[in-house]
Amino acid sequence: MTVTASNVRTADPRYRPLYTLTEVSRYARVTLGTLRAWSAPGERPLIAMADADSRSPFSFVNLIEAHVLVALRRAHGVSLSRIRTAVGWLAEKHGTAHPLAELDLETDGRGVFLRLGATPVDASAGGQAAFPEIVDLYLTRIERDEHGLPQRFFPFPYDACPKTIVMDPAVAFGRPVVDGTRVATTMIFDRYSGGESLVDIAEDYGLEVSAVEEALRCEIERRAA
């Protein structure tokens, strides 16, 4: 699918301002300074904020962009120059202001790739045909809808964490919840902090204890960031 401006509707909660700089920094595991640099207003920022004048200027799509950038930079060390080349080429080729989120990308640690049919092309080299060796683990944390747009995000608070906690802009205003429920991780954290046991909380919400533990890990890691 070619993503165009007509696909982006103001009614779509994925594009509405939802998160503060600090929240995106914590959920995407990126420093505040780096996130500011990526989203700084300019001719073509890597992250085009939903509403730069809002107290919560970042959208769910912006959160996905930050997560993808962390995958490219931290996990594989792709250079910013190659990422900027890829973003520019993808934006022009596909008519989107959010190629890092709206397109299902791959990386081999050197470039940024997009599959056009069965053929992968190196967007960071201006669309040359190439063959990436891996699909990054970070990028598998994004669940897409039938149009290929990001729909749900499983935050990655620590390495090898399961897909138990999910962020969906259509559920709980995009805050982390236990997958398949509307039980927010903040609710679990508050109850546990108030002295309730893991077993009691799990029974009250009809959850496995392991799900309650993941909710706590998500909140603890986020608050410690």
C-alpha atoms as a PDB file:
ATOM      1  CA  MET A   1       0.000   0.000   0.000  1.00  0.00           C
ATOM      2  CA  THR A   2       1.168   3.515  -0.814  1.00  0.00           C
ATOM      3  CA  VAL A   3       0.466   5.759   2.158  1.00  0.00           C
ATOM      4  CA  THR A   4      -0.705   9.237   1.152  1.00  0.00           C
ATOM      5  CA  ALA A   5      -2.014  12.257   2.991  1.00  0.00           C
ATOM      6  CA  SER A   6      -5.547  11.073   2.291  1.00  0.00           C
ATOM      7  CA  ASN A   7      -4.928   8.088   4.535  1.00  0.00           C
ATOM      8  CA  VAL A   8      -4.239  10.340   7.494  1.00  0.00           C
ATOM      9  CA  ARG A   9      -7.511  11.535   9.011  1.00  0.00           C
ATOM     10  CA  THR A  10      -7.758  13.798  11.999  1.00  0.00           C
ATOM     11  CA  ALA A  11     -10.318  11.398  13.471  1.00  0.00           C
ATOM     12  CA  ASP A  12      -7.719   8.634  13.619  1.00  0.00           C
ATOM     13  CA  PRO A  13      -6.514   8.420  17.249  1.00  0.00           C
ATOM     14  CA  ARG A  14      -3.123   7.210  16.072  1.00  0.00           C
ATOM     15  CA  TYR A  15      -2.293  10.702  14.830  1.00  0.00           C
ATOM     16  CA  ARG A  16      -3.652  12.728  17.748  1.00  0.00           C
ATOM     17  CA  PRO A  17      -1.365  14.332  20.353  1.00  0.00           C
ATOM     18  CA  LEU A  18      -1.266  11.863  23.255  1.00  0.00           C
ATOM     19  CA  TYR A  19       2.160  11.765  24.878  1.00  0.00           C
ATOM     20  CA  THR A  20       4.629  14.161  26.456  1.00  0.00           C
ATOM     21  CA  LEU A  21       8.325  14.225  25.607  1.00  0.00           C
ATOM     22  CA  THR A  22       9.050  12.403  28.860  1.00  0.00           C
ATOM     23  CA  GLU A  23       6.486   9.668  28.187  1.00  0.00           C
ATOM     24  CA  VAL A  24       7.836   8.913  24.720  1.00  0.00           C
ATOM     25  CA  SER A  25      11.357   8.981  26.128  1.00  0.00           C
ATOM     26  CA  ARG A  26      10.410   6.329  28.681  1.00  0.00           C
ATOM     27  CA  TYR A  27       8.250   4.091  26.501  1.00  0.00           C
ATOM     28  CA  ALA A  28      10.739   4.108  23.607  1.00  0.00           C
ATOM     29  CA  ARG A  29      13.808   3.898  25.886  1.00  0.00           C
ATOM     30  CA  VAL A  30      15.540   6.946  24.439  1.00  0.00           C
ATOM     31  CA  THR A  31      17.121   9.890  26.233  1.00  0.00           C
ATOM     32  CA  LEU A  32      15.296  13.200  26.374  1.00  0.00           C
ATOM     33  CA  GLY A  33      18.136  14.978  24.576  1.00  0.00           C
ATOM     34  CA  THR A  34      18.182  12.490  21.719  1.00  0.00           C
ATOM     35  CA  LEU A  35      14.401  12.628  21.362  1.00  0.00           C
ATOM     36  CA  ARG A  36      14.522  16.426  21.261  1.00  0.00           C
ATOM     37  CA  ALA A  37      17.127  16.268  18.495  1.00  0.00           C
ATOM     38  CA  TRP A  38      15.091  13.789  16.457  1.00  0.00           C
ATOM     39  CA  SER A  39      11.919  15.903  16.740  1.00  0.00           C
ATOM     40  CA  ALA A  40      13.429  19.391  16.512  1.00  0.00           C
ATOM     41  CA  PRO A  41      11.435  21.581  14.099  1.00  0.00           C
ATOM     42  CA  GLY A  42      13.134  21.907  10.773  1.00  0.00           C
ATOM     43  CA  GLU A  43      12.822  21.215   7.076  1.00  0.00           C
ATOM     44  CA  ARG A  44      12.484  17.463   7.641  1.00  0.00           C
ATOM     45  CA  PRO A  45      12.702  16.237  11.248  1.00  0.00           C
ATOM     46  CA  LEU A  46      13.024  12.496  11.789  1.00  0.00           C
ATOM     47  CA  ILE A  47       9.908  12.717  13.981  1.00  0.00           C
ATOM     48  CA  ALA A  48       7.264  15.222  12.869  1.00  0.00           C
ATOM     49  CA  MET A  49       5.350  15.942  16.083  1.00  0.00           C
ATOM     50  CA  ALA A  50       1.541  15.841  15.947  1.00  0.00           C
ATOM     51  CA  ASP A  51       1.237  19.250  17.614  1.00  0.00           C
ATOM     52  CA  ALA A  52       4.424  21.019  18.608  1.00  0.00           C
ATOM     53  CA  ASP A  53       2.462  23.594  20.623  1.00  0.00           C
ATOM     54  CA  SER A  54       0.621  21.013  22.731  1.00  0.00           C
ATOM     55  CA  ARG A  55       1.658  19.958  26.252  1.00  0.00           C
ATOM     56  CA  SER A  56       1.521  16.399  24.875  1.00  0.00           C
ATOM     57  CA  PRO A  57       2.874  16.949  21.356  1.00  0.00           C
ATOM     58  CA  PHE A  58       3.605  13.353  20.371  1.00  0.00           C
ATOM     59  CA  SER A  59       1.140  10.939  18.778  1.00  0.00           C
ATOM     60  CA  PHE A  60       1.075   7.137  18.820  1.00  0.00           C
ATOM     61  CA  VAL A  61       2.636   7.244  15.348  1.00  0.00           C
ATOM     62  CA  ASN A  62       5.407   9.463  16.761  1.00  0.00           C
ATOM     63  CA  LEU A  63       5.995   6.898  19.516  1.00  0.00           C
ATOM     64  CA  ILE A  64       6.401   4.198  16.860  1.00  0.00           C
ATOM     65  CA  GLU A  65       8.858   6.434  14.973  1.00  0.00           C
ATOM     66  CA  ALA A  66      10.931   6.868  18.121  1.00  0.00           C
ATOM     67  CA  HIS A  67      10.910   3.106  18.734  1.00  0.00           C
ATOM     68  CA  VAL A  68      12.020   2.378  15.155  1.00  0.00           C
ATOM     69  CA  LEU A  69      14.796   4.963  15.431  1.00  0.00           C
ATOM     70  CA  VAL A  70      16.007   3.327  18.650  1.00  0.00           C
ATOM     71  CA  ALA A  71      16.043  -0.021  16.822  1.00  0.00           C
ATOM     72  CA  LEU A  72      18.066   1.382  13.943  1.00  0.00           C
ATOM     73  CA  ARG A  73      20.495   3.399  16.066  1.00  0.00           C
ATOM     74  CA  ARG A  74      20.940   1.396  19.272  1.00  0.00           C
ATOM     75  CA  ALA A  75      20.390  -2.178  18.186  1.00  0.00           C
ATOM     76  CA  HIS A  76      22.305  -1.978  14.902  1.00  0.00           C
ATOM     77  CA  GLY A  77      24.206   1.282  14.827  1.00  0.00           C
ATOM     78  CA  VAL A  78      22.826   2.497  11.504  1.00  0.00           C
ATOM     79  CA  SER A  79      24.272   5.970  10.943  1.00  0.00           C
ATOM     80  CA  LEU A  80      22.036   9.007  11.197  1.00  0.00           C
ATOM     81  CA  SER A  81      23.112  10.094   7.727  1.00  0.00           C
ATOM     82  CA  ARG A  82      21.851   6.832   6.224  1.00  0.00           C
ATOM     83  CA  ILE A  83      18.637   7.065   8.235  1.00  0.00           C
ATOM     84  CA  ARG A  84      18.053  10.637   7.040  1.00  0.00           C
ATOM     85  CA  THR A  85      18.665   9.544   3.450  1.00  0.00           C
ATOM     86  CA  ALA A  86      16.168   6.708   3.910  1.00  0.00           C
ATOM     87  CA  VAL A  87      13.547   8.977   5.492  1.00  0.00           C
ATOM     88  CA  GLY A  88      13.888  11.510   2.684  1.00  0.00           C
ATOM     89  CA  TRP A  89      13.648   8.896  -0.067  1.00  0.00           C
ATOM     90  CA  LEU A  90      10.743   7.062   1.554  1.00  0.00           C
ATOM     91  CA  ALA A  91       8.837  10.288   2.245  1.00  0.00           C
ATOM     92  CA  GLU A  92       9.161  11.364  -1.382  1.00  0.00           C
ATOM     93  CA  LYS A  93       8.529   7.909  -2.839  1.00  0.00           C
ATOM     94  CA  HIS A  94       5.476   7.129  -0.705  1.00  0.00           C
ATOM     95  CA  GLY A  95       4.078  10.579   0.033  1.00  0.00           C
ATOM     96  CA  THR A  96       4.146  10.267   3.802  1.00  0.00           C
ATOM     97  CA  ALA A  97       5.470  12.445   6.607  1.00  0.00           C
ATOM     98  CA  HIS A  98       5.928   9.361   8.820  1.00  0.00           C
ATOM     99  CA  PRO A  99       7.776   6.696   6.802  1.00  0.00           C
ATOM    100  CA  LEU A 100       9.502   5.206   9.841  1.00  0.00           C
ATOM    101  CA  ALA A 101       6.103   4.336  11.315  1.00  0.00           C
ATOM    102  CA  GLU A 102       3.829   3.860   8.335  1.00  0.00           C
ATOM    103  CA  LEU A 103       6.106   1.574   6.330  1.00  0.00           C
ATOM    104  CA  ASP A 104       7.172  -1.901   7.445  1.00  0.00           C
ATOM    105  CA  LEU A 105      10.959  -1.605   7.407  1.00  0.00           C
ATOM    106  CA  GLU A 106      13.867  -3.979   7.867  1.00  0.00           C
ATOM    107  CA  THR A 107      17.530  -3.508   8.676  1.00  0.00           C
ATOM    108  CA  ASP A 108      20.746  -5.503   8.419  1.00  0.00           C
ATOM    109  CA  GLY A 109      22.675  -3.126  10.654  1.00  0.00           C
ATOM    110  CA  ARG A 110      23.983  -1.052   7.777  1.00  0.00           C
ATOM    111  CA  GLY A 111      20.953   0.189   5.857  1.00  0.00           C
ATOM    112  CA  VAL A 112      17.186   0.686   6.022  1.00  0.00           C
ATOM    113  CA  PHE A 113      15.189  -1.574   3.719  1.00  0.00           C
ATOM    114  CA  LEU A 114      11.647  -1.693   2.358  1.00  0.00           C
ATOM    115  CA  ARG A 115      10.164  -4.562   0.377  1.00  0.00           C
ATOM    116  CA  LEU A 116       8.514  -3.531  -2.880  1.00  0.00           C
ATOM    117  CA  GLY A 117       6.751  -6.729  -3.879  1.00  0.00           C
ATOM    118  CA  ALA A 118       9.245  -9.540  -3.399  1.00  0.00           C
ATOM    119  CA  THR A 119      12.270  -7.293  -3.894  1.00  0.00           C
ATOM    120  CA  PRO A 120      13.823  -5.459  -0.941  1.00  0.00           C
ATOM    121  CA  VAL A 121      15.318  -2.071  -1.724  1.00  0.00           C
ATOM    122  CA  ASP A 122      17.838  -0.091   0.295  1.00  0.00           C
ATOM    123  CA  ALA A 123      16.066   3.176   1.112  1.00  0.00           C
ATOM    124  CA  SER A 124      19.227   4.491   2.733  1.00  0.00           C
ATOM    125  CA  ALA A 125      20.965   4.147  -0.633  1.00  0.00           C
ATOM    126  CA  GLY A 126      18.222   5.847  -2.655  1.00  0.00           C
ATOM    127  CA  GLY A 127      16.235   2.728  -3.526  1.00  0.00           C
ATOM    128  CA  GLN A 128      18.908   0.297  -4.710  1.00  0.00           C
ATOM    129  CA  ALA A 129      17.974  -3.400  -4.751  1.00  0.00           C
ATOM    130  CA  ALA A 130      19.447  -5.230  -1.756  1.00  0.00           C
ATOM    131  CA  PHE A 131      19.003  -8.251   0.495  1.00  0.00           C
ATOM    132  CA  PRO A 132      18.818  -7.552   4.235  1.00  0.00           C
ATOM    133  CA  GLU A 133      19.842 -10.444   6.426  1.00  0.00           C
ATOM    134  CA  ILE A 134      17.561  -9.924   9.413  1.00  0.00           C
ATOM    135  CA  VAL A 135      14.325  -8.413  10.610  1.00  0.00           C
ATOM    136  CA  ASP A 136      15.108  -6.573  13.800  1.00  0.00           C
ATOM    137  CA  LEU A 137      13.553  -7.811  17.050  1.00  0.00           C
ATOM    138  CA  TYR A 138      12.587  -4.250  17.909  1.00  0.00           C
ATOM    139  CA  LEU A 139      10.532  -3.933  14.744  1.00  0.00           C
ATOM    140  CA  THR A 140       8.507  -7.060  15.557  1.00  0.00           C
ATOM    141  CA  ARG A 141       7.057  -5.213  18.567  1.00  0.00           C
ATOM    142  CA  ILE A 142       4.823  -3.231  16.179  1.00  0.00           C
ATOM    143  CA  GLU A 143       1.471  -4.754  15.167  1.00  0.00           C
ATOM    144  CA  ARG A 144      -0.005  -3.363  11.956  1.00  0.00           C
ATOM    145  CA  ASP A 145      -3.517  -3.190  10.545  1.00  0.00           C
ATOM    146  CA  GLU A 146      -4.691  -4.478   7.163  1.00  0.00           C
ATOM    147  CA  HIS A 147      -3.324  -1.328   5.511  1.00  0.00           C
ATOM    148  CA  GLY A 148       0.124  -1.763   7.009  1.00  0.00           C
ATOM    149  CA  LEU A 149      -0.227   1.161   9.415  1.00  0.00           C
ATOM    150  CA  PRO A 150       0.858   0.745  13.061  1.00  0.00           C
ATOM    151  CA  GLN A 151      -2.084  -0.241  15.238  1.00  0.00           C
ATOM    152  CA  ARG A 152      -0.626  -1.614  18.465  1.00  0.00           C
ATOM    153  CA  PHE A 153       2.774  -1.405  20.133  1.00  0.00           C
ATOM    154  CA  PHE A 154       4.245  -3.804  22.672  1.00  0.00           C
ATOM    155  CA  PRO A 155       6.691  -1.711  24.737  1.00  0.00           C
ATOM    156  CA  PHE A 156      10.158  -3.124  25.246  1.00  0.00           C
ATOM    157  CA  PRO A 157      11.115  -2.179  28.833  1.00  0.00           C
ATOM    158  CA  TYR A 158      13.808  -4.863  29.040  1.00  0.00           C
ATOM    159  CA  ASP A 159      15.483  -7.300  26.668  1.00  0.00           C
ATOM    160  CA  ALA A 160      13.535 -10.491  25.870  1.00  0.00           C
ATOM    161  CA  CYS A 161      10.318  -9.335  27.560  1.00  0.00           C
ATOM    162  CA  PRO A 162       7.170 -11.106  26.273  1.00  0.00           C
ATOM    163  CA  LYS A 163       4.351  -9.395  24.396  1.00  0.00           C
ATOM    164  CA  THR A 164       2.140  -9.081  27.463  1.00  0.00           C
ATOM    165  CA  ILE A 165       1.753  -5.315  27.768  1.00  0.00           C
ATOM    166  CA  VAL A 166       0.370  -3.370  24.828  1.00  0.00           C
ATOM    167  CA  MET A 167      -0.243   0.268  23.865  1.00  0.00           C
ATOM    168  CA  ASP A 168      -3.230   0.930  21.597  1.00  0.00           C
ATOM    169  CA  PRO A 169      -4.480   4.510  21.017  1.00  0.00           C
ATOM    170  CA  ALA A 170      -8.033   3.133  20.899  1.00  0.00           C
ATOM    171  CA  VAL A 171      -7.724   1.695  24.425  1.00  0.00           C
ATOM    172  CA  ALA A 172      -7.126   3.679  27.638  1.00  0.00           C
ATOM    173  CA  PHE A 173      -5.968   6.744  25.665  1.00  0.00           C
ATOM    174  CA  GLY A 174      -2.927   4.849  24.438  1.00  0.00           C
ATOM    175  CA  ARG A 175      -1.536   4.029  27.887  1.00  0.00           C
ATOM    176  CA  PRO A 176      -0.026   0.568  28.558  1.00  0.00           C
ATOM    177  CA  VAL A 177      -2.566  -2.159  29.415  1.00  0.00           C
ATOM    178  CA  VAL A 178      -2.432  -5.927  29.810  1.00  0.00           C
ATOM    179  CA  ASP A 179      -3.005  -7.382  26.350  1.00  0.00           C
ATOM    180  CA  GLY A 180      -6.618  -8.423  25.767  1.00  0.00           C
ATOM    181  CA  THR A 181      -7.924  -6.265  28.621  1.00  0.00           C
ATOM    182  CA  ARG A 182      -8.424  -2.626  29.585  1.00  0.00           C
ATOM    183  CA  VAL A 183      -6.423  -3.102  32.797  1.00  0.00           C
ATOM    184  CA  ALA A 184      -3.812  -0.341  32.849  1.00  0.00           C
ATOM    185  CA  THR A 185      -0.331  -1.038  34.190  1.00  0.00           C
ATOM    186  CA  THR A 186      -0.649   2.080  36.362  1.00  0.00           C
ATOM    187  CA  MET A 187      -3.698   0.557  38.109  1.00  0.00           C
ATOM    188  CA  ILE A 188      -1.758  -2.604  38.907  1.00  0.00           C
ATOM    189  CA  PHE A 189       1.267  -0.627  40.079  1.00  0.00           C
ATOM    190  CA  ASP A 190      -0.846   1.558  42.363  1.00  0.00           C
ATOM    191  CA  ARG A 191      -2.578  -1.421  43.943  1.00  0.00           C
ATOM    192  CA  TYR A 192       0.679  -3.308  44.469  1.00  0.00           C
ATOM    193  CA  SER A 193       2.286  -0.180  45.915  1.00  0.00           C
ATOM    194  CA  GLY A 194      -0.681   0.030  48.283  1.00  0.00           C
ATOM    195  CA  GLY A 195       0.158  -3.355  49.768  1.00  0.00           C
ATOM    196  CA  GLU A 196      -2.001  -5.785  47.774  1.00  0.00           C
ATOM    197  CA  SER A 197      -0.428  -9.086  46.772  1.00  0.00           C
ATOM    198  CA  LEU A 198       0.278 -10.248  43.235  1.00  0.00           C
ATOM    199  CA  VAL A 199      -2.156 -13.148  43.652  1.00  0.00           C
ATOM    200  CA  ASP A 200      -4.997 -10.927  44.896  1.00  0.00           C
ATOM    201  CA  ILE A 201      -4.528  -8.460  42.063  1.00  0.00           C
ATOM    202  CA  ALA A 202      -4.387 -11.257  39.492  1.00  0.00           C
ATOM    203  CA  GLU A 203      -7.555 -12.877  40.832  1.00  0.00           C
ATOM    204  CA  ASP A 204      -9.405  -9.569  40.963  1.00  0.00           C
ATOM    205  CA  TYR A 205      -8.733  -8.848  37.278  1.00  0.00           C
ATOM    206  CA  GLY A 206      -8.877 -12.451  36.065  1.00  0.00           C
ATOM    207  CA  LEU A 207      -5.214 -12.407  35.049  1.00  0.00           C
ATOM    208  CA  GLU A 208      -2.276 -14.743  35.326  1.00  0.00           C
ATOM    209  CA  VAL A 209       0.227 -13.727  37.992  1.00  0.00           C
ATOM    210  CA  SER A 210       2.855 -13.517  35.260  1.00  0.00           C
ATOM    211  CA  ALA A 211       0.804 -10.800  33.525  1.00  0.00           C
ATOM    212  CA  VAL A 212       0.654  -8.795  36.743  1.00  0.00           C
ATOM    213  CA  GLU A 213       4.415  -9.171  37.102  1.00  0.00           C
ATOM    214  CA  GLU A 214       4.969  -7.866  33.557  1.00  0.00           C
ATOM    215  CA  ALA A 215       2.713  -4.884  34.258  1.00  0.00           C
ATOM    216  CA  LEU A 216       4.814  -4.059  37.316  1.00  0.00           C
ATOM    217  CA  ARG A 217       8.063  -4.441  35.384  1.00  0.00           C
ATOM    218  CA  CYS A 218       6.745  -2.085  32.716  1.00  0.00           C
ATOM    219  CA  GLU A 219       5.885   0.586  35.273  1.00  0.00           C
ATOM    220  CA  ILE A 220       9.048   0.142  37.323  1.00  0.00           C
ATOM    221  CA  GLU A 221      11.282   0.376  34.243  1.00  0.00           C
ATOM    222  CA  ARG A 222       9.330   3.371  32.929  1.00  0.00           C
ATOM    223  CA  ARG A 223       9.466   5.266  36.208  1.00  0.00           C
ATOM    224  CA  ALA A 224      13.171   4.509  36.634  1.00  0.00           C
ATOM    225  CA  ALA A 225      14.031   5.781  33.153  1.00  0.00           C
END
